[in-house]
Amino acid sequence: QPSAPLVSMELSLSLPDALALCTALRSVSSSIRANLSKRLAAQRSSDSSSASASAASEPRSIDKSGVEIQTEAMQVALLTQGLPSDERTRAAVLEALRRHEAEPAVASFLHYWSSLGLVAGGF
């Protein structure tokens, strides 16, 4: 009975693949953030225009942390590459990207990614 191949803890990415992945992850995570911001703005607008005191008394929010956005963006990127989106693979991808940190575009992305992970929520 054949078993599914295991993804190695070590993942190798060529520089062009690393750059493409950085672009994809930044794009997906930015889209997620923009969509959450738009939904939150629409909620606030709806809440402020509501004359009903009962509707205004129910707090609503779209609270997603940066880590949750990172996880969602990484899942999308890995699925498009045909890779599993488990924690082990996500860690291997980030490690593979770090091997290209001397490339300014990769270093910039890794800084962005680290900063995103520090966001507490409130999108």
Protein backbone atom coordinates (compact mmCIF):
# COMPACT_ATOMS: atom_id res chain seq x y z
CA GLN A 1 0.00 0.00 0.00
CA PRO A 2 1.72 3.25 -1.12
CA SER A 3 1.93 6.02 1.41
CA ALA A 4 1.76 9.73 0.73
CA PRO A 5 5.19 11.35 0.41
CA LEU A 6 6.24 13.27 3.45
CA VAL A 7 7.31 16.87 3.03
CA SER A 8 10.86 17.19 4.21
CA MET A 9 11.62 19.60 7.03
CA GLU A 10 14.11 21.08 4.57
CA LEU A 11 12.56 22.75 1.57
CA SER A 12 14.66 24.18 -1.21
CA LEU A 13 13.51 27.21 -3.18
CA SER A 14 15.35 28.78 -6.08
CA LEU A 15 15.67 32.55 -5.90
CA PRO A 16 12.99 33.07 -8.60
CA ASP A 17 10.64 30.71 -6.71
CA ALA A 18 11.39 32.50 -3.42
CA LEU A 19 10.65 35.88 -5.01
CA ALA A 20 7.42 34.57 -6.53
CA LEU A 21 6.35 33.15 -3.18
CA CYS A 22 7.14 36.43 -1.41
CA THR A 23 5.03 38.28 -3.96
CA ALA A 24 2.15 35.81 -3.61
CA LEU A 25 2.21 35.85 0.20
CA ARG A 26 2.35 39.65 0.36
CA SER A 27 -0.48 39.94 -2.17
CA VAL A 28 -2.75 37.42 -0.45
CA SER A 29 -2.12 38.82 3.04
CA SER A 30 -2.66 42.39 1.81
CA SER A 31 -5.94 41.34 0.16
CA ILE A 32 -7.11 39.68 3.37
CA ARG A 33 -6.24 42.82 5.37
CA ALA A 34 -7.96 45.11 2.84
CA ASN A 35 -11.12 42.99 2.78
CA LEU A 36 -11.27 42.88 6.58
CA SER A 37 -10.76 46.65 6.77
CA LYS A 38 -13.55 47.25 4.25
CA ARG A 39 -15.92 44.97 6.14
CA LEU A 40 -15.10 46.68 9.42
CA ALA A 41 -15.60 50.14 7.89
CA ALA A 42 -18.95 49.02 6.48
CA GLN A 43 -19.96 47.69 9.90
CA ARG A 44 -19.00 50.94 11.60
CA SER A 45 -20.90 52.95 9.00
CA SER A 46 -23.93 50.71 9.46
CA ASP A 47 -23.69 50.96 13.26
CA SER A 48 -23.35 54.75 13.25
CA SER A 49 -26.28 55.24 10.87
CA SER A 50 -28.50 52.90 12.86
CA ALA A 51 -31.09 54.75 14.92
CA SER A 52 -31.89 51.68 16.97
CA ALA A 53 -30.36 51.73 20.44
CA SER A 54 -30.53 47.95 20.66
CA ALA A 55 -28.51 47.50 17.47
CA ALA A 56 -25.88 49.96 18.67
CA SER A 57 -25.59 48.16 22.01
CA GLU A 58 -24.47 44.94 20.32
CA PRO A 59 -20.73 45.25 19.73
CA ARG A 60 -19.64 43.77 16.41
CA SER A 61 -16.11 43.47 15.16
CA ILE A 62 -13.97 41.68 12.68
CA ASP A 63 -11.06 40.74 14.83
CA LYS A 64 -8.33 38.81 13.09
CA SER A 65 -4.76 38.88 14.31
CA GLY A 66 -1.74 39.17 12.07
CA VAL A 67 -0.85 35.57 12.87
CA GLU A 68 -4.28 34.46 11.65
CA ILE A 69 -3.78 36.46 8.45
CA GLN A 70 -0.32 34.90 8.01
CA THR A 71 -1.76 31.41 8.46
CA GLU A 72 -4.58 32.03 5.98
CA ALA A 73 -2.26 33.59 3.40
CA MET A 74 0.27 30.77 3.77
CA GLN A 75 -2.48 28.16 3.35
CA VAL A 76 -3.57 29.77 0.08
CA ALA A 77 0.01 30.02 -1.20
CA LEU A 78 0.85 26.43 -0.28
CA LEU A 79 -2.33 25.04 -1.79
CA THR A 80 -1.59 26.83 -5.07
CA GLN A 81 1.83 25.12 -5.02
CA GLY A 82 0.28 21.72 -4.30
CA LEU A 83 1.90 21.56 -0.87
CA PRO A 84 0.24 20.66 2.43
CA SER A 85 -0.57 23.67 4.58
CA ASP A 86 0.43 22.18 7.91
CA GLU A 87 2.62 23.87 10.49
CA ARG A 88 5.68 21.85 9.51
CA THR A 89 5.45 22.93 5.87
CA ARG A 90 4.79 26.58 6.78
CA ALA A 91 7.91 26.58 8.95
CA ALA A 92 9.96 24.92 6.17
CA VAL A 93 8.80 27.54 3.65
CA LEU A 94 9.82 30.41 5.92
CA GLU A 95 13.19 28.78 6.55
CA ALA A 96 13.69 28.34 2.79
CA LEU A 97 12.88 32.02 2.30
CA ARG A 98 15.36 33.00 5.02
CA ARG A 99 18.12 31.30 3.02
CA HIS A 100 17.58 34.02 0.38
CA GLU A 101 17.56 36.87 2.91
CA ALA A 102 20.56 38.51 1.19
CA GLU A 103 18.21 39.37 -1.67
CA PRO A 104 16.67 42.78 -0.80
CA ALA A 105 13.17 41.83 -2.00
CA VAL A 106 13.17 38.70 0.18
CA ALA A 107 14.56 40.61 3.17
CA SER A 108 11.84 43.25 2.72
CA PHE A 109 9.17 40.57 2.60
CA LEU A 110 10.52 38.82 5.71
CA HIS A 111 10.43 42.14 7.57
CA TYR A 112 6.83 42.70 6.42
CA TRP A 113 5.90 39.15 7.44
CA SER A 114 7.45 39.55 10.90
CA SER A 115 5.66 42.87 11.40
CA LEU A 116 2.36 41.36 10.31
CA GLY A 117 2.77 38.63 12.93
CA LEU A 118 2.92 41.30 15.66
CA VAL A 119 -0.48 42.80 14.80
CA ALA A 120 -2.91 41.99 17.59
CA GLY A 121 -6.15 42.29 15.62
CA GLY A 122 -8.89 44.73 14.91
CA PHE A 123 -9.05 44.56 11.14
